[in-house]
Amino acid sequence: MMDVTFLFTFGFLASILEIHLRTYGMSPLFVALCFVMQSTVYLILSLTGGYLFGRFDSRLIMIIGALFLAFAFLMLGPWKLIFPDSLVVIILALPVFSIGQSMTYSNK
């Protein structure tokens, strides 16, 4: 089940977020740097995640990771009352996605 969540998150970000970032007038280079930042955070957390998350119950870590993913989707999506539609919020959501992805997928 968590594999589906992980792949859905990457598929969503690759196809939809790129178009959304372009509406802010970002050049293709800066859009690519946003994805590089997200992938770098995921890489670092994946390398250390097995060691750090192995000390806790894997189901608890997966639930917390799913909550991180839900929070990141809310930062991008329909919760405009709390998170404004700004580029800063979108860029801050990308590391939150990486944390959630590493917690749901890396602790197997």
PDB file of N, CA and C in Angstrom:
ATOM      1  N   MET A   1       0.818  -1.199   0.000  1.00  0.00           N
ATOM      2  CA  MET A   1       0.000   0.000   0.000  1.00  0.00           C
ATOM      3  C   MET A   1       0.860   1.261   0.000  1.00  0.00           C
ATOM      4  N   MET A   2       1.948   1.234   0.757  1.00  0.00           N
ATOM      5  CA  MET A   2       2.789   2.425   0.814  1.00  0.00           C
ATOM      6  C   MET A   2       3.549   2.637  -0.493  1.00  0.00           C
ATOM      7  N   ASP A   3       3.780   1.548  -1.248  1.00  0.00           N
ATOM      8  CA  ASP A   3       4.401   1.714  -2.561  1.00  0.00           C
ATOM      9  C   ASP A   3       3.512   2.534  -3.480  1.00  0.00           C
ATOM     10  N   VAL A   4       2.208   2.312  -3.400  1.00  0.00           N
ATOM     11  CA  VAL A   4       1.261   3.067  -4.221  1.00  0.00           C
ATOM     12  C   VAL A   4       1.283   4.539  -3.819  1.00  0.00           C
ATOM     13  N   THR A   5       1.314   4.799  -2.522  1.00  0.00           N
ATOM     14  CA  THR A   5       1.378   6.183  -2.035  1.00  0.00           C
ATOM     15  C   THR A   5       2.641   6.869  -2.513  1.00  0.00           C
ATOM     16  N   PHE A   6       3.752   6.168  -2.421  1.00  0.00           N
ATOM     17  CA  PHE A   6       5.040   6.714  -2.846  1.00  0.00           C
ATOM     18  C   PHE A   6       5.035   7.033  -4.335  1.00  0.00           C
ATOM     19  N   LEU A   7       4.572   6.085  -5.155  1.00  0.00           N
ATOM     20  CA  LEU A   7       4.564   6.295  -6.600  1.00  0.00           C
ATOM     21  C   LEU A   7       3.555   7.354  -7.013  1.00  0.00           C
ATOM     22  N   PHE A   8       2.416   7.422  -6.327  1.00  0.00           N
ATOM     23  CA  PHE A   8       1.437   8.463  -6.633  1.00  0.00           C
ATOM     24  C   PHE A   8       2.023   9.845  -6.358  1.00  0.00           C
ATOM     25  N   THR A   9       2.765   9.969  -5.265  1.00  0.00           N
ATOM     26  CA  THR A   9       3.360  11.258  -4.921  1.00  0.00           C
ATOM     27  C   THR A   9       4.371  11.682  -5.974  1.00  0.00           C
ATOM     28  N   PHE A  10       5.246  10.773  -6.392  1.00  0.00           N
ATOM     29  CA  PHE A  10       6.214  11.128  -7.424  1.00  0.00           C
ATOM     30  C   PHE A  10       5.528  11.413  -8.755  1.00  0.00           C
ATOM     31  N   GLY A  11       4.518  10.629  -9.106  1.00  0.00           N
ATOM     32  CA  GLY A  11       3.797  10.866 -10.357  1.00  0.00           C
ATOM     33  C   GLY A  11       3.067  12.198 -10.366  1.00  0.00           C
ATOM     34  N   PHE A  12       2.477  12.548  -9.228  1.00  0.00           N
ATOM     35  CA  PHE A  12       1.786  13.837  -9.128  1.00  0.00           C
ATOM     36  C   PHE A  12       2.767  14.985  -9.270  1.00  0.00           C
ATOM     37  N   LEU A  13       3.875  14.896  -8.554  1.00  0.00           N
ATOM     38  CA  LEU A  13       4.834  15.991  -8.597  1.00  0.00           C
ATOM     39  C   LEU A  13       5.462  16.144  -9.971  1.00  0.00           C
ATOM     40  N   ALA A  14       5.733  15.044 -10.632  1.00  0.00           N
ATOM     41  CA  ALA A  14       6.394  15.124 -11.934  1.00  0.00           C
ATOM     42  C   ALA A  14       5.475  15.706 -12.999  1.00  0.00           C
ATOM     43  N   SER A  15       4.198  15.394 -12.938  1.00  0.00           N
ATOM     44  CA  SER A  15       3.327  15.821 -14.032  1.00  0.00           C
ATOM     45  C   SER A  15       2.575  17.121 -13.755  1.00  0.00           C
ATOM     46  N   ILE A  16       2.103  17.322 -12.563  1.00  0.00           N
ATOM     47  CA  ILE A  16       1.241  18.465 -12.267  1.00  0.00           C
ATOM     48  C   ILE A  16       2.019  19.652 -11.716  1.00  0.00           C
ATOM     49  N   LEU A  17       2.953  19.394 -10.824  1.00  0.00           N
ATOM     50  CA  LEU A  17       3.625  20.502 -10.150  1.00  0.00           C
ATOM     51  C   LEU A  17       4.499  21.307 -11.098  1.00  0.00           C
ATOM     52  N   GLU A  18       5.052  20.663 -12.101  1.00  0.00           N
ATOM     53  CA  GLU A  18       5.878  21.388 -13.055  1.00  0.00           C
ATOM     54  C   GLU A  18       5.053  22.450 -13.781  1.00  0.00           C
ATOM     55  N   ILE A  19       3.842  22.097 -14.162  1.00  0.00           N
ATOM     56  CA  ILE A  19       2.962  23.055 -14.843  1.00  0.00           C
ATOM     57  C   ILE A  19       2.563  24.180 -13.881  1.00  0.00           C
ATOM     58  N   HIS A  20       2.306  23.819 -12.631  1.00  0.00           N
ATOM     59  CA  HIS A  20       1.910  24.814 -11.639  1.00  0.00           C
ATOM     60  C   HIS A  20       3.047  25.786 -11.343  1.00  0.00           C
ATOM     61  N   LEU A  21       4.277  25.293 -11.271  1.00  0.00           N
ATOM     62  CA  LEU A  21       5.414  26.182 -11.021  1.00  0.00           C
ATOM     63  C   LEU A  21       5.664  27.118 -12.197  1.00  0.00           C
ATOM     64  N   ARG A  22       5.356  26.673 -13.389  1.00  0.00           N
ATOM     65  CA  ARG A  22       5.546  27.537 -14.556  1.00  0.00           C
ATOM     66  C   ARG A  22       4.589  28.719 -14.548  1.00  0.00           C
ATOM     67  N   THR A  23       3.443  28.603 -13.861  1.00  0.00           N
ATOM     68  CA  THR A  23       2.497  29.721 -13.800  1.00  0.00           C
ATOM     69  C   THR A  23       3.046  30.869 -12.961  1.00  0.00           C
ATOM     70  N   TYR A  24       4.046  30.604 -12.143  1.00  0.00           N
ATOM     71  CA  TYR A  24       4.681  31.663 -11.357  1.00  0.00           C
ATOM     72  C   TYR A  24       5.804  32.343 -12.121  1.00  0.00           C
ATOM     73  N   GLY A  25       5.981  32.000 -13.377  1.00  0.00           N
ATOM     74  CA  GLY A  25       6.998  32.641 -14.197  1.00  0.00           C
ATOM     75  C   GLY A  25       8.390  32.076 -13.990  1.00  0.00           C
ATOM     76  N   MET A  26       8.478  30.888 -13.448  1.00  0.00           N
ATOM     77  CA  MET A  26       9.788  30.278 -13.224  1.00  0.00           C
ATOM     78  C   MET A  26      10.316  29.709 -14.535  1.00  0.00           C
ATOM     79  N   SER A  27      11.607  29.854 -14.729  1.00  0.00           N
ATOM     80  CA  SER A  27      12.224  29.273 -15.913  1.00  0.00           C
ATOM     81  C   SER A  27      12.357  27.762 -15.727  1.00  0.00           C
ATOM     82  N   PRO A  28      12.544  27.036 -16.815  1.00  0.00           N
ATOM     83  CA  PRO A  28      12.701  25.579 -16.679  1.00  0.00           C
ATOM     84  C   PRO A  28      13.871  25.178 -15.789  1.00  0.00           C
ATOM     85  N   LEU A  29      14.916  25.992 -15.732  1.00  0.00           N
ATOM     86  CA  LEU A  29      16.054  25.682 -14.867  1.00  0.00           C
ATOM     87  C   LEU A  29      15.652  25.718 -13.397  1.00  0.00           C
ATOM     88  N   PHE A  30      14.908  26.725 -12.980  1.00  0.00           N
ATOM     89  CA  PHE A  30      14.499  26.825 -11.587  1.00  0.00           C
ATOM     90  C   PHE A  30      13.456  25.770 -11.215  1.00  0.00           C
ATOM     91  N   VAL A  31      12.616  25.395 -12.172  1.00  0.00           N
ATOM     92  CA  VAL A  31      11.677  24.297 -11.927  1.00  0.00           C
ATOM     93  C   VAL A  31      12.458  23.009 -11.699  1.00  0.00           C
ATOM     94  N   ALA A  32      13.463  22.774 -12.515  1.00  0.00           N
ATOM     95  CA  ALA A  32      14.295  21.588 -12.344  1.00  0.00           C
ATOM     96  C   ALA A  32      15.045  21.615 -11.016  1.00  0.00           C
ATOM     97  N   LEU A  33      15.495  22.794 -10.598  1.00  0.00           N
ATOM     98  CA  LEU A  33      16.195  22.896  -9.304  1.00  0.00           C
ATOM     99  C   LEU A  33      15.267  22.585  -8.129  1.00  0.00           C
ATOM    100  N   CYS A  34      13.987  22.914  -8.269  1.00  0.00           N
ATOM    101  CA  CYS A  34      13.026  22.540  -7.221  1.00  0.00           C
ATOM    102  C   CYS A  34      12.933  21.032  -7.090  1.00  0.00           C
ATOM    103  N   PHE A  35      12.891  20.331  -8.221  1.00  0.00           N
ATOM    104  CA  PHE A  35      12.827  18.875  -8.183  1.00  0.00           C
ATOM    105  C   PHE A  35      14.145  18.268  -7.709  1.00  0.00           C
ATOM    106  N   VAL A  36      15.260  18.908  -8.039  1.00  0.00           N
ATOM    107  CA  VAL A  36      16.560  18.436  -7.545  1.00  0.00           C
ATOM    108  C   VAL A  36      16.626  18.589  -6.032  1.00  0.00           C
ATOM    109  N   MET A  37      16.103  19.693  -5.505  1.00  0.00           N
ATOM    110  CA  MET A  37      16.091  19.887  -4.063  1.00  0.00           C
ATOM    111  C   MET A  37      15.271  18.800  -3.379  1.00  0.00           C
ATOM    112  N   GLN A  38      14.110  18.504  -3.942  1.00  0.00           N
ATOM    113  CA  GLN A  38      13.265  17.473  -3.348  1.00  0.00           C
ATOM    114  C   GLN A  38      13.946  16.112  -3.406  1.00  0.00           C
ATOM    115  N   SER A  39      14.559  15.794  -4.518  1.00  0.00           N
ATOM    116  CA  SER A  39      15.234  14.504  -4.651  1.00  0.00           C
ATOM    117  C   SER A  39      16.449  14.402  -3.749  1.00  0.00           C
ATOM    118  N   THR A  40      17.154  15.509  -3.547  1.00  0.00           N
ATOM    119  CA  THR A  40      18.321  15.497  -2.664  1.00  0.00           C
ATOM    120  C   THR A  40      17.911  15.269  -1.215  1.00  0.00           C
ATOM    121  N   VAL A  41      16.859  15.931  -0.786  1.00  0.00           N
ATOM    122  CA  VAL A  41      16.366  15.705   0.580  1.00  0.00           C
ATOM    123  C   VAL A  41      15.919  14.264   0.742  1.00  0.00           C
ATOM    124  N   TYR A  42      15.249  13.719  -0.265  1.00  0.00           N
ATOM    125  CA  TYR A  42      14.819  12.325  -0.201  1.00  0.00           C
ATOM    126  C   TYR A  42      16.026  11.389  -0.154  1.00  0.00           C
ATOM    127  N   LEU A  43      17.064  11.672  -0.934  1.00  0.00           N
ATOM    128  CA  LEU A  43      18.263  10.844  -0.942  1.00  0.00           C
ATOM    129  C   LEU A  43      18.928  10.820   0.425  1.00  0.00           C
ATOM    130  N   ILE A  44      19.083  11.976   1.016  1.00  0.00           N
ATOM    131  CA  ILE A  44      19.745  12.057   2.330  1.00  0.00           C
ATOM    132  C   ILE A  44      18.924  11.330   3.384  1.00  0.00           C
ATOM    133  N   LEU A  45      17.625  11.547   3.377  1.00  0.00           N
ATOM    134  CA  LEU A  45      16.782  10.889   4.371  1.00  0.00           C
ATOM    135  C   LEU A  45      16.656   9.391   4.116  1.00  0.00           C
ATOM    136  N   SER A  46      16.731   8.961   2.868  1.00  0.00           N
ATOM    137  CA  SER A  46      16.664   7.534   2.586  1.00  0.00           C
ATOM    138  C   SER A  46      17.921   6.814   3.049  1.00  0.00           C
ATOM    139  N   LEU A  47      19.059   7.476   2.883  1.00  0.00           N
ATOM    140  CA  LEU A  47      20.304   6.851   3.317  1.00  0.00           C
ATOM    141  C   LEU A  47      20.375   6.717   4.835  1.00  0.00           C
ATOM    142  N   THR A  48      19.869   7.704   5.524  1.00  0.00           N
ATOM    143  CA  THR A  48      19.906   7.660   6.991  1.00  0.00           C
ATOM    144  C   THR A  48      18.634   7.093   7.595  1.00  0.00           C
ATOM    145  N   GLY A  49      17.568   6.991   6.791  1.00  0.00           N
ATOM    146  CA  GLY A  49      16.274   6.571   7.311  1.00  0.00           C
ATOM    147  C   GLY A  49      16.241   5.149   7.820  1.00  0.00           C
ATOM    148  N   GLY A  50      16.924   4.245   7.140  1.00  0.00           N
ATOM    149  CA  GLY A  50      16.938   2.863   7.592  1.00  0.00           C
ATOM    150  C   GLY A  50      17.543   2.728   8.978  1.00  0.00           C
ATOM    151  N   TYR A  51      18.566   3.491   9.228  1.00  0.00           N
ATOM    152  CA  TYR A  51      19.206   3.453  10.538  1.00  0.00           C
ATOM    153  C   TYR A  51      18.351   4.154  11.597  1.00  0.00           C
ATOM    154  N   LEU A  52      17.832   5.326  11.262  1.00  0.00           N
ATOM    155  CA  LEU A  52      17.063   6.089  12.239  1.00  0.00           C
ATOM    156  C   LEU A  52      15.691   5.485  12.510  1.00  0.00           C
ATOM    157  N   PHE A  53      14.987   5.088  11.444  1.00  0.00           N
ATOM    158  CA  PHE A  53      13.627   4.604  11.603  1.00  0.00           C
ATOM    159  C   PHE A  53      13.572   3.147  12.031  1.00  0.00           C
ATOM    160  N   GLY A  54      14.679   2.422  11.917  1.00  0.00           N
ATOM    161  CA  GLY A  54      14.707   1.028  12.320  1.00  0.00           C
ATOM    162  C   GLY A  54      14.559   0.824  13.809  1.00  0.00           C
ATOM    163  N   ARG A  55      14.752   1.845  14.568  1.00  0.00           N
ATOM    164  CA  ARG A  55      14.639   1.748  16.025  1.00  0.00           C
ATOM    165  C   ARG A  55      13.199   1.829  16.510  1.00  0.00           C
ATOM    166  N   PHE A  56      12.281   2.213  15.645  1.00  0.00           N
ATOM    167  CA  PHE A  56      10.884   2.397  16.027  1.00  0.00           C
ATOM    168  C   PHE A  56      10.013   1.385  15.298  1.00  0.00           C
ATOM    169  N   ASP A  57       8.765   1.315  15.711  1.00  0.00           N
ATOM    170  CA  ASP A  57       7.803   0.441  15.051  1.00  0.00           C
ATOM    171  C   ASP A  57       7.572   0.934  13.622  1.00  0.00           C
ATOM    172  N   SER A  58       7.695   0.035  12.651  1.00  0.00           N
ATOM    173  CA  SER A  58       7.600   0.446  11.248  1.00  0.00           C
ATOM    174  C   SER A  58       6.210   0.957  10.897  1.00  0.00           C
ATOM    175  N   ARG A  59       5.171   0.414  11.516  1.00  0.00           N
ATOM    176  CA  ARG A  59       3.817   0.904  11.225  1.00  0.00           C
ATOM    177  C   ARG A  59       3.639   2.342  11.709  1.00  0.00           C
ATOM    178  N   LEU A  60       4.198   2.658  12.869  1.00  0.00           N
ATOM    179  CA  LEU A  60       4.106   4.020  13.393  1.00  0.00           C
ATOM    180  C   LEU A  60       4.836   4.996  12.473  1.00  0.00           C
ATOM    181  N   ILE A  61       6.002   4.615  12.003  1.00  0.00           N
ATOM    182  CA  ILE A  61       6.768   5.480  11.104  1.00  0.00           C
ATOM    183  C   ILE A  61       6.019   5.677   9.790  1.00  0.00           C
ATOM    184  N   MET A  62       5.388   4.622   9.286  1.00  0.00           N
ATOM    185  CA  MET A  62       4.617   4.758   8.036  1.00  0.00           C
ATOM    186  C   MET A  62       3.411   5.667   8.221  1.00  0.00           C
ATOM    187  N   ILE A  63       2.746   5.576   9.362  1.00  0.00           N
ATOM    188  CA  ILE A  63       1.594   6.444   9.624  1.00  0.00           C
ATOM    189  C   ILE A  63       2.031   7.898   9.723  1.00  0.00           C
ATOM    190  N   ILE A  64       3.131   8.133  10.417  1.00  0.00           N
ATOM    191  CA  ILE A  64       3.649   9.503  10.529  1.00  0.00           C
ATOM    192  C   ILE A  64       4.065  10.018   9.149  1.00  0.00           C
ATOM    193  N   GLY A  65       4.692   9.171   8.341  1.00  0.00           N
ATOM    194  CA  GLY A  65       5.063   9.561   6.975  1.00  0.00           C
ATOM    195  C   GLY A  65       3.856   9.886   6.118  1.00  0.00           C
ATOM    196  N   ALA A  66       2.785   9.094   6.265  1.00  0.00           N
ATOM    197  CA  ALA A  66       1.560   9.380   5.516  1.00  0.00           C
ATOM    198  C   ALA A  66       0.951  10.708   5.963  1.00  0.00           C
ATOM    199  N   LEU A  67       1.073  11.029   7.244  1.00  0.00           N
ATOM    200  CA  LEU A  67       0.588  12.323   7.716  1.00  0.00           C
ATOM    201  C   LEU A  67       1.424  13.472   7.148  1.00  0.00           C
ATOM    202  N   PHE A  68       2.735  13.262   7.032  1.00  0.00           N
ATOM    203  CA  PHE A  68       3.583  14.266   6.386  1.00  0.00           C
ATOM    204  C   PHE A  68       3.162  14.475   4.936  1.00  0.00           C
ATOM    205  N   LEU A  69       2.866  13.370   4.225  1.00  0.00           N
ATOM    206  CA  LEU A  69       2.431  13.490   2.839  1.00  0.00           C
ATOM    207  C   LEU A  69       1.095  14.220   2.737  1.00  0.00           C
ATOM    208  N   ALA A  70       0.180  13.903   3.636  1.00  0.00           N
ATOM    209  CA  ALA A  70      -1.117  14.585   3.621  1.00  0.00           C
ATOM    210  C   ALA A  70      -0.945  16.078   3.891  1.00  0.00           C
ATOM    211  N   PHE A  71      -0.070  16.421   4.829  1.00  0.00           N
ATOM    212  CA  PHE A  71       0.188  17.826   5.133  1.00  0.00           C
ATOM    213  C   PHE A  71       0.800  18.540   3.931  1.00  0.00           C
ATOM    214  N   ALA A  72       1.712  17.859   3.231  1.00  0.00           N
ATOM    215  CA  ALA A  72       2.339  18.469   2.055  1.00  0.00           C
ATOM    216  C   ALA A  72       1.322  18.672   0.938  1.00  0.00           C
ATOM    217  N   PHE A  73       0.424  17.696   0.757  1.00  0.00           N
ATOM    218  CA  PHE A  73      -0.629  17.879  -0.250  1.00  0.00           C
ATOM    219  C   PHE A  73      -1.549  19.030   0.128  1.00  0.00           C
ATOM    220  N   LEU A  74      -1.818  19.202   1.415  1.00  0.00           N
ATOM    221  CA  LEU A  74      -2.642  20.336   1.849  1.00  0.00           C
ATOM    222  C   LEU A  74      -1.931  21.664   1.621  1.00  0.00           C
ATOM    223  N   MET A  75      -0.608  21.660   1.722  1.00  0.00           N
ATOM    224  CA  MET A  75       0.139  22.888   1.437  1.00  0.00           C
ATOM    225  C   MET A  75      -0.005  23.291  -0.033  1.00  0.00           C
ATOM    226  N   LEU A  76      -0.129  22.314  -0.909  1.00  0.00           N
ATOM    227  CA  LEU A  76      -0.262  22.610  -2.332  1.00  0.00           C
ATOM    228  C   LEU A  76      -1.704  22.803  -2.769  1.00  0.00           C
ATOM    229  N   GLY A  77      -2.614  22.203  -2.035  1.00  0.00           N
ATOM    230  CA  GLY A  77      -3.962  22.066  -2.548  1.00  0.00           C
ATOM    231  C   GLY A  77      -4.990  22.996  -1.979  1.00  0.00           C
ATOM    232  N   PRO A  78      -6.080  22.425  -1.550  1.00  0.00           N
ATOM    233  CA  PRO A  78      -7.292  23.212  -1.326  1.00  0.00           C
ATOM    234  C   PRO A  78      -7.350  23.988  -0.014  1.00  0.00           C
ATOM    235  N   TRP A  79      -6.344  23.971   0.790  1.00  0.00           N
ATOM    236  CA  TRP A  79      -6.414  24.622   2.089  1.00  0.00           C
ATOM    237  C   TRP A  79      -5.878  26.049   1.993  1.00  0.00           C
ATOM    238  N   LYS A  80      -6.496  26.852   1.155  1.00  0.00           N
ATOM    239  CA  LYS A  80      -6.026  28.221   0.888  1.00  0.00           C
ATOM    240  C   LYS A  80      -6.268  29.166   2.054  1.00  0.00           C
ATOM    241  N   LEU A  81      -7.117  28.777   2.987  1.00  0.00           N
ATOM    242  CA  LEU A  81      -7.382  29.619   4.141  1.00  0.00           C
ATOM    243  C   LEU A  81      -6.161  29.699   5.060  1.00  0.00           C
ATOM    244  N   ILE A  82      -5.430  28.600   5.166  1.00  0.00           N
ATOM    245  CA  ILE A  82      -4.263  28.563   6.051  1.00  0.00           C
ATOM    246  C   ILE A  82      -2.969  28.763   5.266  1.00  0.00           C
ATOM    247  N   PHE A  83      -2.847  28.091   4.116  1.00  0.00           N
ATOM    248  CA  PHE A  83      -1.643  28.224   3.300  1.00  0.00           C
ATOM    249  C   PHE A  83      -1.957  29.068   2.082  1.00  0.00           C
ATOM    250  N   PRO A  84      -1.354  30.233   1.958  1.00  0.00           N
ATOM    251  CA  PRO A  84      -1.645  31.073   0.792  1.00  0.00           C
ATOM    252  C   PRO A  84      -1.061  30.460  -0.473  1.00  0.00           C
ATOM    253  N   ASP A  85      -1.604  30.876  -1.584  1.00  0.00           N
ATOM    254  CA  ASP A  85      -1.129  30.398  -2.876  1.00  0.00           C
ATOM    255  C   ASP A  85       0.105  31.205  -3.258  1.00  0.00           C
ATOM    256  N   SER A  86       1.254  30.800  -2.705  1.00  0.00           N
ATOM    257  CA  SER A  86       2.495  31.517  -2.991  1.00  0.00           C
ATOM    258  C   SER A  86       3.595  30.521  -3.326  1.00  0.00           C
ATOM    259  N   LEU A  87       4.596  31.016  -3.990  1.00  0.00           N
ATOM    260  CA  LEU A  87       5.706  30.185  -4.412  1.00  0.00           C
ATOM    261  C   LEU A  87       6.502  29.661  -3.217  1.00  0.00           C
ATOM    262  N   VAL A  88       6.597  30.443  -2.162  1.00  0.00           N
ATOM    263  CA  VAL A  88       7.346  30.024  -0.972  1.00  0.00           C
ATOM    264  C   VAL A  88       6.701  28.799  -0.337  1.00  0.00           C
ATOM    265  N   VAL A  89       5.394  28.773  -0.246  1.00  0.00           N
ATOM    266  CA  VAL A  89       4.692  27.633   0.350  1.00  0.00           C
ATOM    267  C   VAL A  89       4.899  26.390  -0.509  1.00  0.00           C
ATOM    268  N   ILE A  90       4.872  26.551  -1.820  1.00  0.00           N
ATOM    269  CA  ILE A  90       5.067  25.412  -2.709  1.00  0.00           C
ATOM    270  C   ILE A  90       6.480  24.858  -2.570  1.00  0.00           C
ATOM    271  N   ILE A  91       7.467  25.726  -2.511  1.00  0.00           N
ATOM    272  CA  ILE A  91       8.847  25.260  -2.373  1.00  0.00           C
ATOM    273  C   ILE A  91       9.079  24.637  -0.999  1.00  0.00           C
ATOM    274  N   LEU A  92       8.443  25.154   0.040  1.00  0.00           N
ATOM    275  CA  LEU A  92       8.563  24.542   1.371  1.00  0.00           C
ATOM    276  C   LEU A  92       7.839  23.203   1.460  1.00  0.00           C
ATOM    277  N   ALA A  93       6.866  22.979   0.605  1.00  0.00           N
ATOM    278  CA  ALA A  93       6.151  21.699   0.608  1.00  0.00           C
ATOM    279  C   ALA A  93       7.005  20.567   0.047  1.00  0.00           C
ATOM    280  N   LEU A  94       7.954  20.870  -0.810  1.00  0.00           N
ATOM    281  CA  LEU A  94       8.752  19.822  -1.436  1.00  0.00           C
ATOM    282  C   LEU A  94       9.595  19.031  -0.436  1.00  0.00           C
ATOM    283  N   PRO A  95      10.299  19.652   0.517  1.00  0.00           N
ATOM    284  CA  PRO A  95      10.990  18.829   1.520  1.00  0.00           C
ATOM    285  C   PRO A  95      10.037  18.053   2.421  1.00  0.00           C
ATOM    286  N   VAL A  96       8.840  18.583   2.646  1.00  0.00           N
ATOM    287  CA  VAL A  96       7.858  17.848   3.446  1.00  0.00           C
ATOM    288  C   VAL A  96       7.437  16.585   2.699  1.00  0.00           C
ATOM    289  N   PHE A  97       7.285  16.684   1.370  1.00  0.00           N
ATOM    290  CA  PHE A  97       7.029  15.495   0.565  1.00  0.00           C
ATOM    291  C   PHE A  97       8.156  14.481   0.727  1.00  0.00           C
ATOM    292  N   SER A  98       9.397  14.959   0.695  1.00  0.00           N
ATOM    293  CA  SER A  98      10.544  14.056   0.809  1.00  0.00           C
ATOM    294  C   SER A  98      10.586  13.360   2.155  1.00  0.00           C
ATOM    295  N   ILE A  99      10.272  14.082   3.206  1.00  0.00           N
ATOM    296  CA  ILE A  99      10.247  13.471   4.541  1.00  0.00           C
ATOM    297  C   ILE A  99       9.181  12.390   4.595  1.00  0.00           C
ATOM    298  N   GLY A 100       8.001  12.698   4.100  1.00  0.00           N
ATOM    299  CA  GLY A 100       6.921  11.710   4.096  1.00  0.00           C
ATOM    300  C   GLY A 100       7.242  10.499   3.239  1.00  0.00           C
ATOM    301  N   GLN A 101       7.845  10.731   2.075  1.00  0.00           N
ATOM    302  CA  GLN A 101       8.198   9.625   1.201  1.00  0.00           C
ATOM    303  C   GLN A 101       9.247   8.730   1.843  1.00  0.00           C
ATOM    304  N   SER A 102      10.242   9.325   2.459  1.00  0.00           N
ATOM    305  CA  SER A 102      11.287   8.502   3.076  1.00  0.00           C
ATOM    306  C   SER A 102      10.744   7.735   4.283  1.00  0.00           C
ATOM    307  N   MET A 103       9.830   8.311   4.999  1.00  0.00           N
ATOM    308  CA  MET A 103       9.279   7.609   6.157  1.00  0.00           C
ATOM    309  C   MET A 103       8.334   6.472   5.742  1.00  0.00           C
ATOM    310  N   THR A 104       7.624   6.648   4.645  1.00  0.00           N
ATOM    311  CA  THR A 104       6.697   5.591   4.233  1.00  0.00           C
ATOM    312  C   THR A 104       7.376   4.494   3.442  1.00  0.00           C
ATOM    313  N   TYR A 105       8.465   4.797   2.790  1.00  0.00           N
ATOM    314  CA  TYR A 105       9.059   3.826   1.878  1.00  0.00           C
ATOM    315  C   TYR A 105      10.399   3.269   2.357  1.00  0.00           C
ATOM    316  N   SER A 106      11.186   4.062   3.056  1.00  0.00           N
ATOM    317  CA  SER A 106      12.549   3.660   3.379  1.00  0.00           C
ATOM    318  C   SER A 106      12.662   2.768   4.593  1.00  0.00           C
ATOM    319  N   ASN A 107      11.627   2.622   5.373  1.00  0.00           N
ATOM    320  CA  ASN A 107      11.780   1.871   6.614  1.00  0.00           C
ATOM    321  C   ASN A 107      11.320   0.430   6.477  1.00  0.00           C
ATOM    322  N   LYS A 108      11.180  -0.070   5.273  1.00  0.00           N
ATOM    323  CA  LYS A 108      10.763  -1.457   5.089  1.00  0.00           C
ATOM    324  C   LYS A 108      11.825  -2.415   5.579  1.00  0.00           C
TER     325      LYS A 108
END
